[in-house]
Amino acid sequence: MRLRIIVRGRVQGVGYRFFTQRTALELGIKGYVRNLPDGTVEVVAEGSPGAMEKFIQELREGPPLAIVEDMEVQEIPPDEEFETFEVRY
């Protein structure tokens, strides 16, 4: 399954991207995370339904300094283009 997730709140400048990458790699999820100009964080991730459910739970918590106010989760067609999970700039 493949998801596009937009995370809103205090999620830039608090280690959120690296937390997301570490969590994804631990769960065997592939894709990327990046900051968007409007202050949100975008995550595009592919993995098994069980791993993705756990991933979403972890993203809602975030690292200690983050405050996640809202998450928009959209399922999109998988295409298996990713080989790992990376932080994009």
N, C-alpha and C. Protein backbone atom coordinates (compact mmCIF):
# COMPACT_ATOMS: atom_id res chain seq x y z
N MET A 1 0.85 -1.18 0.00
CA MET A 1 0.00 0.00 0.00
C MET A 1 0.89 1.23 0.00
N ARG A 2 0.39 2.29 -0.61
CA ARG A 2 1.15 3.54 -0.71
C ARG A 2 0.29 4.69 -0.20
N LEU A 3 0.88 5.52 0.66
CA LEU A 3 0.17 6.65 1.23
C LEU A 3 0.94 7.94 1.01
N ARG A 4 0.19 9.03 0.83
CA ARG A 4 0.75 10.39 0.88
C ARG A 4 0.17 11.01 2.14
N ILE A 5 1.05 11.49 3.00
CA ILE A 5 0.65 12.02 4.30
C ILE A 5 1.18 13.44 4.42
N ILE A 6 0.30 14.36 4.77
CA ILE A 6 0.69 15.74 5.07
C ILE A 6 0.53 15.93 6.57
N VAL A 7 1.61 16.34 7.22
CA VAL A 7 1.63 16.49 8.67
C VAL A 7 1.70 17.98 9.00
N ARG A 8 0.75 18.43 9.84
CA ARG A 8 0.69 19.84 10.22
C ARG A 8 0.96 19.99 11.72
N GLY A 9 1.51 21.14 12.06
CA GLY A 9 1.82 21.44 13.46
C GLY A 9 3.24 21.96 13.56
N ARG A 10 3.86 21.75 14.71
CA ARG A 10 5.27 22.13 14.86
C ARG A 10 6.08 20.91 14.44
N VAL A 11 6.34 20.83 13.13
CA VAL A 11 6.99 19.64 12.59
C VAL A 11 8.23 19.96 11.75
N GLN A 12 8.59 21.23 11.66
CA GLN A 12 9.84 21.60 11.00
C GLN A 12 10.80 22.16 12.04
N GLY A 13 12.07 21.78 11.91
CA GLY A 13 13.09 22.26 12.84
C GLY A 13 13.11 21.52 14.17
N VAL A 14 12.45 20.36 14.23
CA VAL A 14 12.39 19.59 15.49
C VAL A 14 12.83 18.14 15.30
N GLY A 15 13.45 17.83 14.16
CA GLY A 15 13.93 16.47 13.90
C GLY A 15 12.87 15.52 13.37
N TYR A 16 11.76 16.08 12.90
CA TYR A 16 10.64 15.23 12.45
C TYR A 16 11.01 14.39 11.23
N ARG A 17 11.72 14.96 10.27
CA ARG A 17 12.09 14.18 9.06
C ARG A 17 12.98 13.00 9.41
N PHE A 18 13.95 13.22 10.29
CA PHE A 18 14.87 12.14 10.62
C PHE A 18 14.19 11.08 11.49
N PHE A 19 13.28 11.52 12.35
CA PHE A 19 12.44 10.58 13.12
C PHE A 19 11.62 9.72 12.16
N THR A 20 11.04 10.36 11.15
CA THR A 20 10.22 9.64 10.17
C THR A 20 11.06 8.63 9.41
N GLN A 21 12.24 9.03 8.98
CA GLN A 21 13.12 8.12 8.24
C GLN A 21 13.52 6.93 9.10
N ARG A 22 13.93 7.18 10.32
CA ARG A 22 14.34 6.09 11.21
C ARG A 22 13.18 5.12 11.46
N THR A 23 12.00 5.66 11.70
CA THR A 23 10.82 4.82 11.94
C THR A 23 10.49 3.99 10.71
N ALA A 24 10.53 4.61 9.54
CA ALA A 24 10.23 3.90 8.30
C ALA A 24 11.21 2.75 8.08
N LEU A 25 12.47 3.02 8.27
CA LEU A 25 13.48 1.98 8.05
C LEU A 25 13.30 0.82 9.03
N GLU A 26 12.94 1.13 10.28
CA GLU A 26 12.70 0.08 11.27
C GLU A 26 11.51 -0.81 10.87
N LEU A 27 10.52 -0.21 10.20
CA LEU A 27 9.31 -0.94 9.83
C LEU A 27 9.36 -1.54 8.42
N GLY A 28 10.47 -1.32 7.70
CA GLY A 28 10.60 -1.84 6.35
C GLY A 28 9.78 -1.07 5.32
N ILE A 29 9.55 0.21 5.58
CA ILE A 29 8.78 1.07 4.69
C ILE A 29 9.73 1.85 3.79
N LYS A 30 9.32 2.02 2.54
CA LYS A 30 10.13 2.74 1.56
C LYS A 30 9.41 4.02 1.16
N GLY A 31 10.17 5.02 0.72
CA GLY A 31 9.57 6.27 0.28
C GLY A 31 10.45 7.45 0.62
N TYR A 32 9.80 8.58 0.96
CA TYR A 32 10.56 9.78 1.31
C TYR A 32 9.76 10.69 2.22
N VAL A 33 10.47 11.61 2.85
CA VAL A 33 9.88 12.66 3.67
C VAL A 33 10.58 13.96 3.29
N ARG A 34 9.80 15.06 3.28
CA ARG A 34 10.41 16.36 2.99
C ARG A 34 9.57 17.47 3.61
N ASN A 35 10.25 18.60 3.90
CA ASN A 35 9.56 19.79 4.37
C ASN A 35 8.94 20.49 3.16
N LEU A 36 7.77 21.06 3.35
CA LEU A 36 7.13 21.85 2.31
C LEU A 36 7.20 23.33 2.71
N PRO A 37 7.17 24.23 1.72
CA PRO A 37 7.31 25.66 2.02
C PRO A 37 6.26 26.23 2.97
N ASP A 38 5.10 25.60 3.06
CA ASP A 38 4.03 26.13 3.92
C ASP A 38 4.17 25.71 5.39
N GLY A 39 5.28 25.04 5.74
CA GLY A 39 5.52 24.65 7.13
C GLY A 39 5.06 23.24 7.47
N THR A 40 4.46 22.55 6.51
CA THR A 40 4.04 21.17 6.73
C THR A 40 5.16 20.21 6.31
N VAL A 41 4.95 18.94 6.61
CA VAL A 41 5.87 17.88 6.18
C VAL A 41 5.08 16.92 5.31
N GLU A 42 5.66 16.55 4.17
CA GLU A 42 5.05 15.57 3.27
C GLU A 42 5.78 14.25 3.38
N VAL A 43 5.01 13.16 3.50
CA VAL A 43 5.55 11.82 3.54
C VAL A 43 4.88 11.02 2.44
N VAL A 44 5.67 10.37 1.61
CA VAL A 44 5.14 9.41 0.64
C VAL A 44 5.79 8.08 1.00
N ALA A 45 4.96 7.09 1.32
CA ALA A 45 5.49 5.84 1.87
C ALA A 45 4.76 4.63 1.31
N GLU A 46 5.53 3.55 1.10
CA GLU A 46 4.98 2.28 0.65
C GLU A 46 5.40 1.18 1.61
N GLY A 47 4.43 0.32 1.95
CA GLY A 47 4.72 -0.81 2.82
C GLY A 47 3.50 -1.68 2.99
N SER A 48 3.63 -2.69 3.80
CA SER A 48 2.51 -3.58 4.05
C SER A 48 1.46 -2.84 4.88
N PRO A 49 0.20 -3.25 4.80
CA PRO A 49 -0.84 -2.57 5.59
C PRO A 49 -0.53 -2.52 7.09
N GLY A 50 -0.02 -3.61 7.65
CA GLY A 50 0.31 -3.62 9.07
C GLY A 50 1.41 -2.64 9.43
N ALA A 51 2.45 -2.61 8.61
CA ALA A 51 3.56 -1.68 8.85
C ALA A 51 3.09 -0.24 8.69
N MET A 52 2.24 0.01 7.72
CA MET A 52 1.76 1.36 7.48
C MET A 52 0.88 1.84 8.64
N GLU A 53 0.09 0.96 9.21
CA GLU A 53 -0.74 1.32 10.36
C GLU A 53 0.13 1.75 11.54
N LYS A 54 1.18 0.97 11.82
CA LYS A 54 2.11 1.31 12.90
C LYS A 54 2.85 2.61 12.59
N PHE A 55 3.24 2.79 11.33
CA PHE A 55 3.95 4.00 10.89
C PHE A 55 3.09 5.24 11.16
N ILE A 56 1.83 5.18 10.78
CA ILE A 56 0.93 6.32 11.00
C ILE A 56 0.81 6.63 12.49
N GLN A 57 0.70 5.61 13.32
CA GLN A 57 0.64 5.82 14.77
C GLN A 57 1.88 6.55 15.27
N GLU A 58 3.04 6.13 14.78
CA GLU A 58 4.30 6.76 15.20
C GLU A 58 4.38 8.21 14.71
N LEU A 59 3.93 8.46 13.48
CA LEU A 59 3.97 9.82 12.94
C LEU A 59 3.05 10.76 13.72
N ARG A 60 1.95 10.24 14.23
CA ARG A 60 1.05 11.07 15.04
C ARG A 60 1.73 11.52 16.34
N GLU A 61 2.61 10.68 16.86
CA GLU A 61 3.35 11.03 18.08
C GLU A 61 4.53 11.96 17.76
N GLY A 62 5.33 11.57 16.77
CA GLY A 62 6.49 12.36 16.38
C GLY A 62 7.59 12.33 17.42
N PRO A 63 8.70 13.04 17.15
CA PRO A 63 9.79 13.12 18.12
C PRO A 63 9.39 14.04 19.28
N PRO A 64 10.18 14.05 20.36
CA PRO A 64 9.80 14.79 21.58
C PRO A 64 9.46 16.27 21.38
N LEU A 65 10.14 16.99 20.51
CA LEU A 65 9.90 18.43 20.37
C LEU A 65 8.78 18.76 19.38
N ALA A 66 8.29 17.79 18.66
CA ALA A 66 7.24 18.03 17.67
C ALA A 66 5.87 18.10 18.34
N ILE A 67 4.99 18.86 17.71
CA ILE A 67 3.58 18.89 18.09
C ILE A 67 2.78 18.67 16.82
N VAL A 68 2.23 17.46 16.68
CA VAL A 68 1.44 17.13 15.49
C VAL A 68 0.00 17.55 15.77
N GLU A 69 -0.48 18.52 14.98
CA GLU A 69 -1.84 19.03 15.16
C GLU A 69 -2.83 18.31 14.25
N ASP A 70 -2.39 17.90 13.08
CA ASP A 70 -3.29 17.27 12.13
C ASP A 70 -2.48 16.47 11.12
N MET A 71 -3.09 15.40 10.62
CA MET A 71 -2.48 14.60 9.55
C MET A 71 -3.54 14.30 8.50
N GLU A 72 -3.18 14.57 7.26
CA GLU A 72 -4.05 14.23 6.13
C GLU A 72 -3.44 13.00 5.45
N VAL A 73 -4.18 11.90 5.45
CA VAL A 73 -3.67 10.64 4.90
C VAL A 73 -4.49 10.28 3.67
N GLN A 74 -3.79 10.10 2.56
CA GLN A 74 -4.44 9.77 1.29
C GLN A 74 -3.79 8.53 0.70
N GLU A 75 -4.60 7.52 0.39
CA GLU A 75 -4.06 6.32 -0.27
C GLU A 75 -3.93 6.60 -1.76
N ILE A 76 -2.78 6.26 -2.32
CA ILE A 76 -2.52 6.45 -3.74
C ILE A 76 -2.01 5.13 -4.32
N PRO A 77 -2.10 4.95 -5.64
CA PRO A 77 -1.68 3.68 -6.23
C PRO A 77 -0.18 3.42 -6.01
N PRO A 78 0.17 2.21 -5.56
CA PRO A 78 1.59 1.87 -5.38
C PRO A 78 2.27 1.67 -6.73
N ASP A 79 3.56 2.00 -6.78
CA ASP A 79 4.30 1.71 -8.01
C ASP A 79 5.69 1.16 -7.75
N GLU A 80 6.02 0.94 -6.47
CA GLU A 80 7.27 0.29 -6.09
C GLU A 80 8.51 0.95 -6.70
N GLU A 81 8.50 2.27 -6.77
CA GLU A 81 9.64 3.00 -7.32
C GLU A 81 10.77 3.19 -6.31
N PHE A 82 10.50 2.99 -5.04
CA PHE A 82 11.48 3.30 -4.00
C PHE A 82 12.30 2.08 -3.62
N GLU A 83 13.59 2.31 -3.34
CA GLU A 83 14.47 1.25 -2.89
C GLU A 83 14.76 1.35 -1.40
N THR A 84 14.56 2.53 -0.83
CA THR A 84 14.80 2.78 0.59
C THR A 84 13.89 3.91 1.03
N PHE A 85 14.13 4.45 2.22
CA PHE A 85 13.37 5.61 2.68
C PHE A 85 14.38 6.74 2.89
N GLU A 86 14.12 7.86 2.23
CA GLU A 86 15.09 8.96 2.27
C GLU A 86 14.48 10.27 2.72
N VAL A 87 15.35 11.14 3.22
CA VAL A 87 14.98 12.52 3.50
C VAL A 87 15.31 13.31 2.26
N ARG A 88 14.33 14.01 1.72
CA ARG A 88 14.53 14.86 0.53
C ARG A 88 14.57 16.32 0.95
N TYR A 89 15.33 17.09 0.18
CA TYR A 89 15.48 18.51 0.48
C TYR A 89 14.97 19.36 -0.66
